[in-house]
Amino acid sequence: MTAEPTLTVIAGPTAAGKSALAMEVAERTGAEIVSADSQAVYRYFDVGTAKPDADALARVRHHLVSVVDPLERFSAAKFQGLADAAVRDAFARGRRVLVVGGTGLYIRVLLHGLSSGTPDLELRARLEADAVRLGPEAMHTRLAAVDPTAARRIAVADTLRVVRALEIQEVTGQPASAVHKAHGFNPTRYPYTLWFLDPPREALAKAIGARTKAMFTAGLVEEVEALVRHGYREAPAMASVGYRQALAVVEGRLNRAEAEADTERQTRAYAKRQRTWFRREPGARFVAPPYTEVR
C-alpha cells in the first residue's frame, strides 16, 4: 500500500524526549500522533508506560493509546491494522501524521510489512522465560492450542523451535505453519522520514535514572497493586520493564530500592537494544539534541 503524504517517524530509546518533541511538532504543524509503543496500547497501564496525560490528549489527537484490554494478546499484525486505519483517517481529514515510539518491530511492520523473519526480541525473551518457568511440556501444549500442525512437527523437547513458532504466531497473527518463511520485507508501504533521537549516552543514562525514580514516586507500585486486585496479574504488559519489578515489590520478592535499581538497569539495556535495532533500519537518521532537524 502506498499513501501520501509522507509519514514522519520519531523513534528513539526510552527517555530520549520523543513525546515532548512530538507534541511540539504536532502543535506547530497541526499533526496527529500514532503511538508505536507496545505497552501504551493497553488500558489501565499508565504510570509505567509514560502515556500522554489528559492535557496532552486534549491538545493533540493521539491514536493507539489505551485501546486494548490488558488481558488481550496484542500482535504486530494487530498494530499494523489499527495503525493503517489511523493513518488513513488522518490523511482523509488532511492532517499530517507523526508515528512516535520506541517499539522497533511496530515501526518496521508499519513501514515495510510483516514477515515471519521479523524478530520480536522482547516477546522472545518472555517466551523463553516462560519455558524455563513452566517447562517444555507446557510450552508445547500452548503451541498445540494455536498451531496444532506445527506442534505435531516439533518435538516436545525442542524448546527453541517451540518458542520460535509461538513468537511467529504472536508477531504475525497467523500460525507459524501457515506463514511462508522465505519472504523478506515487503516494499515500503508508505513514504516516510525516520528520525532516531540519539542523545549522548551519559545524558541518556541520567534521563533514564530520573524517569525511573519519577515513575516509582508517581505510584507505579500502587498502580500494580490495583491492577492485580482487578485481575490483571497475568496481563502481557505486566512482564514489561518497570511493571515486573513493581510486581516483585507487591509480591515481596524485591524491596522498592532494589526494584528501582533493576528497572533503571534493564531500561538502560533496552535502550542499547533500541539503538542497535534502528541502526539497521533503512533510511534512519540519527540526530542529537536539541533535535532541531526534526520538522
Protein backbone atom coordinates (compact mmCIF):
# COMPACT_ATOMS: atom_id res chain seq x y z
CA MET A 1 0.00 0.00 0.00
CA THR A 2 1.35 3.44 -0.86
CA ALA A 3 -0.03 6.60 0.65
CA GLU A 4 0.65 10.31 0.51
CA PRO A 5 1.78 12.47 2.18
CA THR A 6 4.88 11.22 3.94
CA LEU A 7 4.80 9.73 7.42
CA THR A 8 7.16 11.36 9.89
CA VAL A 9 8.51 8.79 12.35
CA ILE A 10 10.07 9.92 15.62
CA ALA A 11 11.77 6.96 17.26
CA GLY A 12 14.40 6.65 19.92
CA PRO A 13 15.33 5.00 23.19
CA THR A 14 13.32 5.31 26.38
CA ALA A 15 13.69 8.78 27.97
CA ALA A 16 15.23 10.38 24.87
CA GLY A 17 12.48 13.01 24.68
CA LYS A 18 10.24 11.56 21.94
CA SER A 19 6.94 12.58 23.48
CA ALA A 20 7.89 16.18 24.21
CA LEU A 21 9.34 16.66 20.74
CA ALA A 22 6.33 15.04 19.09
CA MET A 23 3.95 17.34 20.96
CA GLU A 24 5.95 20.39 19.87
CA VAL A 25 6.00 19.32 16.21
CA ALA A 26 2.34 18.25 16.25
CA GLU A 27 1.10 21.51 17.72
CA ARG A 28 3.21 23.57 15.36
CA THR A 29 2.16 21.67 12.23
CA GLY A 30 -1.35 20.50 13.08
CA ALA A 31 -0.33 16.84 13.04
CA GLU A 32 -1.85 13.84 14.79
CA ILE A 33 0.20 11.25 16.65
CA VAL A 34 0.09 7.49 16.10
CA SER A 35 1.71 5.79 19.08
CA ALA A 36 4.13 2.96 18.29
CA ASP A 37 4.54 1.72 21.86
CA SER A 38 3.83 -1.93 22.58
CA GLN A 39 2.73 -1.23 26.18
CA ALA A 40 0.85 2.07 25.80
CA VAL A 41 -1.84 0.28 23.77
CA TYR A 42 -3.11 -1.36 26.98
CA ARG A 43 -5.75 0.29 29.14
CA TYR A 44 -5.01 0.98 32.83
CA PHE A 45 -1.23 0.54 32.49
CA ASP A 46 -0.48 4.24 32.76
CA VAL A 47 2.30 5.22 35.16
CA GLY A 48 4.90 2.77 33.89
CA THR A 49 4.22 3.48 30.20
CA ALA A 50 4.52 7.28 30.49
CA LYS A 51 1.33 7.75 28.49
CA PRO A 52 0.35 11.27 27.44
CA ASP A 53 -1.69 12.92 30.17
CA ALA A 54 -5.18 14.38 29.79
CA ASP A 55 -3.81 17.78 28.83
CA ALA A 56 -1.66 16.35 26.02
CA LEU A 57 -4.54 14.22 24.75
CA ALA A 58 -6.77 17.32 24.68
CA ARG A 59 -4.20 19.38 22.79
CA VAL A 60 -3.18 16.80 20.15
CA ARG A 61 -5.17 13.84 18.86
CA HIS A 62 -3.42 10.55 19.70
CA HIS A 63 -4.13 7.15 18.17
CA LEU A 64 -3.43 3.67 19.63
CA VAL A 65 -3.20 4.79 23.25
CA SER A 66 -5.26 2.76 25.76
CA VAL A 67 -7.18 0.87 23.07
CA VAL A 68 -6.69 -2.77 24.14
CA ASP A 69 -7.94 -4.74 27.14
CA PRO A 70 -4.99 -5.66 29.39
CA LEU A 71 -5.59 -9.41 29.05
CA GLU A 72 -5.61 -9.35 25.24
CA ARG A 73 -2.55 -10.55 23.36
CA PHE A 74 -1.68 -7.71 21.02
CA SER A 75 0.42 -8.66 17.99
CA ALA A 76 2.40 -6.68 15.47
CA ALA A 77 -0.23 -7.70 12.90
CA LYS A 78 -2.98 -6.12 15.01
CA PHE A 79 -0.88 -2.99 15.43
CA GLN A 80 -0.40 -2.74 11.68
CA GLY A 81 -4.14 -2.93 11.03
CA LEU A 82 -5.05 -0.31 13.64
CA ALA A 83 -2.20 1.98 12.62
CA ASP A 84 -3.16 1.76 8.94
CA ALA A 85 -6.73 2.74 9.84
CA ALA A 86 -5.50 5.69 11.92
CA VAL A 87 -3.19 6.89 9.15
CA ARG A 88 -5.97 6.66 6.55
CA ASP A 89 -8.36 8.53 8.83
CA ALA A 90 -5.91 11.35 9.49
CA PHE A 91 -4.88 11.66 5.85
CA ALA A 92 -8.54 11.75 4.77
CA ARG A 93 -9.01 14.80 7.00
CA GLY A 94 -5.92 16.47 5.59
CA ARG A 95 -3.84 16.01 8.72
CA ARG A 96 -0.16 15.24 8.92
CA VAL A 97 0.80 12.05 10.80
CA LEU A 98 3.63 11.58 13.29
CA VAL A 99 4.41 7.98 14.24
CA VAL A 100 6.03 8.15 17.67
CA GLY A 101 7.52 5.40 19.81
CA GLY A 102 10.38 3.11 20.60
CA THR A 103 8.97 -0.29 19.62
CA GLY A 104 11.11 -1.04 16.59
CA LEU A 105 9.05 -4.03 15.49
CA TYR A 106 5.85 -1.98 15.28
CA ILE A 107 7.51 0.75 13.27
CA ARG A 108 9.08 -1.80 10.96
CA VAL A 109 5.84 -3.62 10.17
CA LEU A 110 4.02 -0.34 9.57
CA LEU A 111 6.65 0.88 7.11
CA HIS A 112 7.65 -2.43 5.48
CA GLY A 113 5.06 -5.10 6.27
CA LEU A 114 5.07 -8.37 8.15
CA SER A 115 7.50 -11.21 7.75
CA SER A 116 7.97 -14.47 9.61
CA GLY A 117 11.60 -13.40 9.85
CA THR A 118 10.72 -10.23 11.74
CA PRO A 119 12.08 -10.82 15.26
CA ASP A 120 10.41 -9.57 18.43
CA LEU A 121 13.21 -9.79 20.96
CA GLU A 122 11.06 -8.73 23.93
CA LEU A 123 8.45 -11.35 23.10
CA ARG A 124 11.11 -14.00 22.58
CA ALA A 125 12.65 -13.22 25.97
CA ARG A 126 9.24 -13.52 27.62
CA LEU A 127 8.54 -16.85 25.92
CA GLU A 128 11.98 -18.16 26.86
CA ALA A 129 11.37 -17.14 30.47
CA ASP A 130 8.01 -18.95 30.37
CA ALA A 131 9.78 -22.06 29.06
CA VAL A 132 12.20 -22.03 31.99
CA ARG A 133 9.40 -21.44 34.49
CA LEU A 134 6.75 -23.77 33.07
CA GLY A 135 8.79 -26.46 31.32
CA PRO A 136 8.81 -27.84 27.76
CA GLU A 137 5.56 -29.80 28.05
CA ALA A 138 3.53 -26.74 28.99
CA MET A 139 5.05 -24.70 26.15
CA HIS A 140 4.35 -27.45 23.65
CA THR A 141 0.74 -27.62 24.88
CA ARG A 142 0.48 -23.86 24.37
CA LEU A 143 1.74 -24.26 20.81
CA ALA A 144 -0.70 -27.09 20.12
CA ALA A 145 -3.58 -24.82 21.11
CA VAL A 146 -2.71 -22.17 18.50
CA ASP A 147 -0.90 -24.18 15.83
CA PRO A 148 -1.55 -27.94 16.01
CA THR A 149 0.23 -28.50 12.70
CA ALA A 150 3.48 -27.06 14.00
CA ALA A 151 3.05 -28.88 17.30
CA ARG A 152 2.83 -32.21 15.51
CA ARG A 153 6.01 -31.43 13.62
CA ILE A 154 8.09 -30.09 16.53
CA ALA A 155 9.24 -32.39 19.33
CA VAL A 156 8.15 -31.57 22.86
CA ALA A 157 11.77 -31.27 23.97
CA ASP A 158 12.70 -28.89 21.12
CA THR A 159 12.04 -25.76 23.18
CA LEU A 160 13.97 -23.49 20.80
CA ARG A 161 11.68 -24.27 17.86
CA VAL A 162 8.56 -24.26 20.03
CA VAL A 163 9.40 -20.76 21.25
CA ARG A 164 10.14 -19.58 17.71
CA ALA A 165 6.80 -20.96 16.44
CA LEU A 166 4.95 -19.22 19.26
CA GLU A 167 6.83 -16.00 18.51
CA ILE A 168 5.89 -16.13 14.81
CA GLN A 169 2.25 -16.75 15.69
CA GLU A 170 2.12 -13.75 18.02
CA VAL A 171 4.07 -11.43 15.71
CA THR A 172 2.14 -12.20 12.53
CA GLY A 173 -1.22 -13.18 13.97
CA GLN A 174 -1.03 -16.41 11.91
CA PRO A 175 0.11 -19.95 12.76
CA ALA A 176 3.79 -20.45 12.02
CA SER A 177 2.87 -23.45 9.91
CA ALA A 178 0.85 -21.18 7.61
CA VAL A 179 3.45 -18.44 7.25
CA HIS A 180 5.73 -18.53 4.25
CA LYS A 181 9.23 -18.47 5.65
CA ALA A 182 11.12 -17.40 2.56
CA HIS A 183 9.84 -13.87 2.01
CA GLY A 184 11.55 -10.78 3.38
CA PHE A 185 10.09 -7.35 3.96
CA ASN A 186 7.53 -6.06 1.53
CA PRO A 187 8.35 -2.94 -0.44
CA THR A 188 7.96 0.28 1.53
CA ARG A 189 4.28 0.68 2.41
CA TYR A 190 4.41 4.44 2.97
CA PRO A 191 6.84 7.17 2.01
CA TYR A 192 8.46 8.20 5.27
CA THR A 193 11.12 10.14 7.10
CA LEU A 194 12.53 8.27 10.10
CA TRP A 195 14.28 10.21 12.83
CA PHE A 196 16.03 8.40 15.69
CA LEU A 197 16.69 10.61 18.72
CA ASP A 198 20.19 9.77 19.92
CA PRO A 199 21.30 11.72 22.99
CA PRO A 200 24.82 11.24 24.38
CA ARG A 201 24.98 8.06 26.43
CA GLU A 202 25.77 9.74 29.74
CA ALA A 203 22.88 12.15 29.27
CA LEU A 204 20.53 9.31 28.35
CA ALA A 205 21.61 7.26 31.37
CA LYS A 206 20.89 10.25 33.61
CA ALA A 207 17.49 10.76 31.98
CA ILE A 208 16.62 7.08 32.42
CA GLY A 209 17.54 7.29 36.10
CA ALA A 210 15.36 10.37 36.58
CA ARG A 211 12.45 8.80 34.71
CA THR A 212 12.69 5.59 36.73
CA LYS A 213 12.68 7.49 40.01
CA ALA A 214 9.74 9.61 38.83
CA MET A 215 7.68 6.51 37.92
CA PHE A 216 8.09 4.94 41.33
CA THR A 217 7.44 8.27 43.05
CA ALA A 218 4.29 8.73 40.93
CA GLY A 219 2.85 5.47 42.23
CA LEU A 220 3.96 2.63 39.96
CA VAL A 221 3.84 0.08 42.78
CA GLU A 222 0.41 1.29 43.86
CA GLU A 223 -0.82 1.07 40.26
CA VAL A 224 0.39 -2.53 40.07
CA GLU A 225 -1.36 -3.35 43.36
CA ALA A 226 -4.62 -2.05 41.89
CA LEU A 227 -4.09 -3.93 38.62
CA VAL A 228 -3.54 -7.19 40.49
CA ARG A 229 -6.72 -6.61 42.54
CA HIS A 230 -8.65 -6.15 39.29
CA GLY A 231 -7.43 -9.47 37.87
CA TYR A 232 -4.58 -8.28 35.64
CA ARG A 233 -1.72 -10.19 37.31
CA GLU A 234 -1.15 -12.20 34.10
CA ALA A 235 -1.62 -9.32 31.64
CA PRO A 236 1.12 -9.19 28.96
CA ALA A 237 2.16 -5.67 29.96
CA MET A 238 2.91 -6.88 33.48
CA ALA A 239 6.02 -8.57 32.08
CA SER A 240 7.47 -5.30 30.76
CA VAL A 241 10.34 -3.42 32.38
CA GLY A 242 9.14 -1.46 35.38
CA TYR A 243 5.93 -3.41 35.82
CA ARG A 244 7.63 -6.72 36.52
CA GLN A 245 9.88 -5.07 39.11
CA ALA A 246 6.92 -3.30 40.74
CA LEU A 247 5.06 -6.61 40.79
CA ALA A 248 8.04 -8.16 42.59
CA VAL A 249 7.66 -5.44 45.26
CA VAL A 250 3.95 -6.17 45.60
CA GLU A 251 4.69 -9.88 45.99
CA GLY A 252 7.56 -9.34 48.42
CA ARG A 253 10.34 -10.55 46.14
CA LEU A 254 12.11 -7.17 45.94
CA ASN A 255 12.12 -4.03 48.04
CA ARG A 256 11.48 -0.66 46.40
CA ALA A 257 15.13 0.32 46.20
CA GLU A 258 16.04 -2.99 44.55
CA ALA A 259 13.12 -2.69 42.13
CA GLU A 260 14.05 0.85 41.16
CA ALA A 261 17.70 -0.09 40.61
CA ASP A 262 16.78 -3.13 38.49
CA THR A 263 14.28 -1.11 36.45
CA GLU A 264 16.94 1.50 35.69
CA ARG A 265 19.48 -1.19 34.76
CA GLN A 266 17.05 -3.05 32.49
CA THR A 267 15.85 0.18 30.86
CA ARG A 268 19.42 1.12 30.00
CA ALA A 269 19.94 -2.32 28.46
CA TYR A 270 16.72 -1.92 26.46
CA ALA A 271 17.84 1.50 25.23
CA LYS A 272 21.01 -0.10 23.91
CA ARG A 273 18.95 -2.70 22.03
CA GLN A 274 16.73 0.03 20.60
CA ARG A 275 19.75 1.87 19.23
CA THR A 276 21.09 -1.32 17.66
CA TRP A 277 17.71 -2.12 16.09
CA PHE A 278 17.34 1.26 14.42
CA ARG A 279 20.91 1.21 13.14
CA ARG A 280 19.62 -1.50 10.79
CA GLU A 281 16.53 0.41 9.66
CA PRO A 282 16.64 1.71 6.07
CA GLY A 283 16.84 5.48 5.95
CA ALA A 284 17.02 6.06 9.72
CA ARG A 285 18.53 9.45 10.50
CA PHE A 286 20.23 9.62 13.90
CA VAL A 287 20.03 13.09 15.46
CA ALA A 288 21.41 14.53 18.68
CA PRO A 289 19.71 17.08 20.96
CA PRO A 290 18.26 19.66 20.56
CA TYR A 291 16.72 17.82 17.57
CA THR A 292 16.30 20.97 15.50
CA GLU A 293 16.42 18.91 12.29
CA VAL A 294 13.12 17.20 13.13
CA ARG A 295 10.28 19.09 11.47
